Protein backbone atom coordinates (compact mmCIF):
# COMPACT_ATOMS: atom_id res chain seq x y z
CA UNK A 1 38.47 1.68 13.12
CA UNK A 2 39.59 5.05 14.39
CA UNK A 3 37.55 8.23 14.12
CA UNK A 4 37.43 9.55 10.53
CA UNK A 5 39.24 12.86 10.04
CA UNK A 6 38.52 13.29 6.32
CA UNK A 7 36.14 12.23 3.57
CA UNK A 8 38.82 9.72 2.51
CA UNK A 9 38.69 8.15 5.98
CA UNK A 10 34.91 8.10 5.90
CA UNK A 11 35.00 6.48 2.44
CA UNK A 12 37.31 3.73 3.71
CA UNK A 13 35.02 3.15 6.69
CA UNK A 14 32.04 2.87 4.35
CA UNK A 15 33.88 0.34 2.19
CA UNK A 16 34.87 -1.71 5.26
CA UNK A 17 31.27 -1.60 6.49
CA UNK A 18 29.97 -2.75 3.09
CA UNK A 19 32.57 -5.50 2.93
CA UNK A 20 31.46 -6.83 6.30
CA UNK A 21 27.80 -6.54 5.24
CA UNK A 22 28.50 -8.61 2.13
CA UNK A 23 30.24 -11.28 4.21
CA UNK A 24 27.25 -11.42 6.55
CA UNK A 25 24.89 -11.77 3.58
CA UNK A 26 26.99 -14.56 2.07
CA UNK A 27 26.63 -16.42 5.37
CA UNK A 28 22.88 -15.69 5.78
CA UNK A 29 21.58 -16.36 2.25
CA UNK A 30 21.95 -20.18 2.37
CA UNK A 31 19.67 -20.25 5.44
CA UNK A 32 17.08 -18.16 3.61
CA UNK A 33 17.34 -20.45 0.58
CA UNK A 34 16.83 -23.52 2.78
CA UNK A 35 13.82 -21.90 4.45
CA UNK A 36 12.12 -20.93 1.18
CA UNK A 37 9.62 -23.27 -0.46
CA UNK A 38 8.94 -21.37 -3.68
CA UNK A 39 11.29 -22.54 -6.43
CA UNK A 40 11.26 -19.06 -7.97
CA UNK A 41 12.31 -17.55 -4.65
CA UNK A 42 15.02 -20.17 -4.15
CA UNK A 43 16.34 -19.45 -7.66
CA UNK A 44 16.35 -15.69 -7.08
CA UNK A 45 18.18 -16.07 -3.76
CA UNK A 46 20.72 -18.52 -5.23
CA UNK A 47 21.38 -16.12 -8.08
CA UNK A 48 21.84 -13.27 -5.64
CA UNK A 49 24.24 -15.35 -3.55
CA UNK A 50 26.49 -15.67 -6.61
CA UNK A 51 26.16 -11.94 -7.33
CA UNK A 52 26.92 -11.10 -3.68
CA UNK A 53 30.19 -13.04 -3.88
CA UNK A 54 31.12 -10.99 -6.97
CA UNK A 55 30.22 -7.80 -5.11
CA UNK A 56 32.51 -8.73 -2.23
CA UNK A 57 35.23 -9.40 -4.77
CA UNK A 58 34.69 -5.93 -6.27
CA UNK A 59 35.18 -4.38 -2.84
CA UNK A 60 38.43 -6.34 -2.48
CA UNK A 61 39.49 -4.94 -5.85
CA UNK A 62 38.74 -1.38 -4.67
CA UNK A 63 40.83 -1.89 -1.52
CA UNK A 64 43.68 -3.24 -3.66
CA UNK A 65 43.46 -0.21 -5.96
CA UNK A 66 43.95 1.95 -2.86
CA UNK A 67 46.99 -0.14 -1.93
CA UNK A 68 45.27 -1.65 1.11
CA UNK A 69 44.16 -5.07 2.26
CA UNK A 70 40.38 -5.54 2.45
CA UNK A 71 39.14 -4.50 5.89
CA UNK A 72 35.94 -5.32 7.71
CA UNK A 73 34.23 -2.84 9.99
CA UNK A 74 31.39 -4.60 11.84
CA UNK A 75 28.18 -3.60 10.07
CA UNK A 76 25.76 -3.50 12.97
CA UNK A 77 22.92 -2.31 10.75
CA UNK A 78 23.15 -5.35 8.47
CA UNK A 79 23.55 -7.58 11.50
CA UNK A 80 20.26 -6.26 12.86
CA UNK A 81 18.43 -6.65 9.56
CA UNK A 82 19.70 -10.22 9.15
CA UNK A 83 18.89 -11.16 12.75
CA UNK A 84 15.37 -9.82 12.40
CA UNK A 85 14.84 -11.85 9.22
CA UNK A 86 16.38 -14.96 10.74
CA UNK A 87 14.10 -14.73 13.77
CA UNK A 88 11.04 -14.55 11.51
CA UNK A 89 12.26 -17.51 9.50
CA UNK A 90 12.40 -19.65 12.63
CA UNK A 91 9.03 -18.50 13.98
CA UNK A 92 6.83 -18.94 10.90
CA UNK A 93 5.65 -22.48 10.18
CA UNK A 94 3.32 -21.82 7.21
CA UNK A 95 5.35 -22.23 3.98
CA UNK A 96 3.64 -19.47 1.97
CA UNK A 97 3.77 -17.02 4.86
CA UNK A 98 7.45 -17.84 5.46
CA UNK A 99 8.22 -17.17 1.76
CA UNK A 100 6.53 -13.77 2.08
CA UNK A 101 8.61 -13.03 5.20
CA UNK A 102 11.81 -14.08 3.39
CA UNK A 103 11.05 -11.63 0.59
CA UNK A 104 10.43 -8.89 3.13
CA UNK A 105 13.72 -9.61 4.91
CA UNK A 106 15.64 -9.84 1.63
CA UNK A 107 14.24 -6.52 0.45
CA UNK A 108 15.31 -4.85 3.69
CA UNK A 109 18.81 -6.16 3.02
CA UNK A 110 18.71 -4.80 -0.54
CA UNK A 111 17.54 -1.36 0.57
CA UNK A 112 20.22 -1.16 3.25
CA UNK A 113 22.84 -2.07 0.66
CA UNK A 114 21.51 0.44 -1.87
CA UNK A 115 21.90 3.21 0.69
CA UNK A 116 25.47 2.15 1.50
CA UNK A 117 26.58 1.66 -2.09
CA UNK A 118 25.01 4.95 -3.19
CA UNK A 119 26.93 6.76 -0.46
CA UNK A 120 30.23 5.00 -1.22
CA UNK A 121 29.85 5.69 -4.93
CA UNK A 122 29.28 9.39 -4.24
CA UNK A 123 32.34 9.54 -1.98
CA UNK A 124 34.41 7.80 -4.68
CA UNK A 125 33.25 10.32 -7.28
CA UNK A 126 34.08 13.27 -5.03
CA UNK A 127 37.52 11.82 -4.27
CA UNK A 128 38.28 11.28 -7.96
CA UNK A 129 38.25 7.48 -7.56
CA UNK A 130 36.62 6.99 -10.98
CA UNK A 131 37.29 3.26 -11.36
CA UNK A 132 35.99 2.57 -7.85
CA UNK A 133 32.92 4.73 -8.56
CA UNK A 134 32.17 2.60 -11.64
CA UNK A 135 32.51 -0.64 -9.66
CA UNK A 136 30.31 0.70 -6.88
CA UNK A 137 27.70 1.86 -9.42
CA UNK A 138 27.72 -1.61 -10.98
CA UNK A 139 26.94 -3.12 -7.57
CA UNK A 140 24.28 -0.48 -6.89
CA UNK A 141 22.60 -1.38 -10.20
CA UNK A 142 22.67 -5.07 -9.26
CA UNK A 143 21.09 -4.33 -5.89
CA UNK A 144 18.29 -2.38 -7.57
CA UNK A 145 17.74 -5.25 -10.02
CA UNK A 146 17.59 -7.78 -7.18
CA UNK A 147 15.09 -5.59 -5.33
CA UNK A 148 12.91 -5.39 -8.44
CA UNK A 149 12.98 -9.19 -8.85
CA UNK A 150 11.92 -9.57 -5.24
CA UNK A 151 9.12 -7.04 -5.71
CA UNK A 152 7.88 -8.97 -8.74
CA UNK A 153 7.98 -12.24 -6.78
CA UNK A 154 6.23 -10.61 -3.83
CA UNK A 155 3.21 -9.83 -5.97
CA UNK A 156 2.64 -13.54 -6.51
CA UNK A 157 3.91 -15.02 -3.25
CA UNK A 158 2.27 -12.50 -0.92
CA UNK A 159 -1.10 -13.34 -2.52
CA UNK A 160 -0.44 -17.03 -1.89
CA UNK A 161 0.39 -16.25 1.74
CA UNK A 162 -2.85 -14.32 2.09
CA UNK A 163 -4.89 -17.16 0.64
CA UNK A 164 -3.00 -20.00 2.32
CA UNK A 165 -3.62 -21.64 5.68
CA UNK A 166 -1.48 -19.23 7.66
CA UNK A 167 -2.91 -16.13 6.05
CA UNK A 168 -6.58 -17.02 5.57
CA UNK A 169 -8.72 -13.97 5.83
CA UNK A 170 -12.32 -13.94 6.96
CA UNK A 171 -14.52 -13.06 4.05
CA UNK A 172 -15.76 -9.54 4.37
CA UNK A 173 -19.16 -8.63 2.97
CA UNK A 174 -19.15 -6.60 -0.21
CA UNK A 175 -19.52 -2.84 0.22
CA UNK A 176 -23.16 -2.97 -0.93
CA UNK A 177 -23.94 -5.64 1.70
CA UNK A 178 -22.28 -3.57 4.43
CA UNK A 179 -24.24 -0.49 3.42
CA UNK A 180 -27.53 -2.40 3.30
CA UNK A 181 -26.77 -4.01 6.66
CA UNK A 182 -26.08 -0.68 8.32
CA UNK A 183 -29.31 0.78 6.85
CA UNK A 184 -31.26 -2.18 8.24
CA UNK A 185 -29.69 -1.65 11.69
CA UNK A 186 -30.56 2.06 11.65
CA UNK A 187 -34.17 1.47 10.66
CA UNK A 188 -34.54 -1.20 13.33
CA UNK A 189 -33.40 1.20 16.04
């Protein structure tokens, strides 16, 4: 896309970037779903895949309202976030730890999208594109909801990862034992 000369141009670039990001997510989510072992996580990701398809459709609707065909501007940021998550997915063998990594990667995706949709919505409002602003706000709300679901799941699944084979922690002595031990070492010196 050529250099933006106005806020309208920048708005169109943002929409094209978001549209490409959604297409990348639609392609990446099935791999994350396959890699997950938690049924709750699989369900949340499947649900978000359906929502993501609707979000891409909303962007197409916004382009049509502007009298344009939907355009894709390569979203390098989303590409990086997805690649990073995909690399982790392939490297981690422990199921619980992999589920925790999937949540982390998915939340990075959500936060990236929230930033983009918030910006596009603001541009739409400033440009008087009220219907587009409503559609973009709807998507922004969905992204926040998805992020909250992932945060809720993380509370449970991250604990499982910490207690599982891949995340076993050495037991640390209680604070009173550490204090007593250090006093014994001092008096022995």
